């Protein structure tokens, strides 16, 4: 009877944790729909404040350099990595070593692509659009691109499943001051580069638990 009671209490606690997590998720989704960034690390070149992202000019100068090198000068992502490490440019989280995958994600991130007011207004609610300046351009932070959940079988680990683009929520952020041409040319330059797949990597018990200071999950190769 004691074991039965303990089992029932464990299931009730598990249910309550799931409900709390879902309520927290719904609250963040609502905040994003209101044009606000749910609390999280800001991308390179931005700082997170109570009023949303603001441009950190000191850090954004390195981001502009990256887009200029890849988009205009024809340098590779590894050339950017080597240049940043040589010049002592740290990642957003303070790491001294860069990963080409992080640079690729930055190139693909729409926070660095200047959108016109009309483009932004088509992605957000009328209430959010009403608070924007029609004469200015904005970057876009897309929230809810992936869904995190725990695996229910095998070792305990977190899973990241991409959501359908229709579920993404657009949040306007300040214009980073990067010419749109640079961003588009940089994306075209890396478009044919193969991404690092998970195929061929053995399972690691600490995967999804340990992260590199750059923000990337640690994995191992066979």
Foldseek 3Di string as FASTA:
>chain_A
DVVVVVVVVVVVVVVVVVVVVVVVVVVQVVCLLLQAHPDDQDAFQWDQDPRGIDGDVVRLVLVLVLLCCVQPVVDALVVSQVVQLVVQPAGSLGHSGDDSVLVLVSLVAQQAAWAQLVVVPVQHDPNNSVPDDNVGTWGKGKPPQWDWDWDPDDATAIDTHGDDPVPIRIRTHHHSPHPNSSSVSSCVSCVPPDDDDCPQFDDDNCFRPDADSNGHTDTDGD
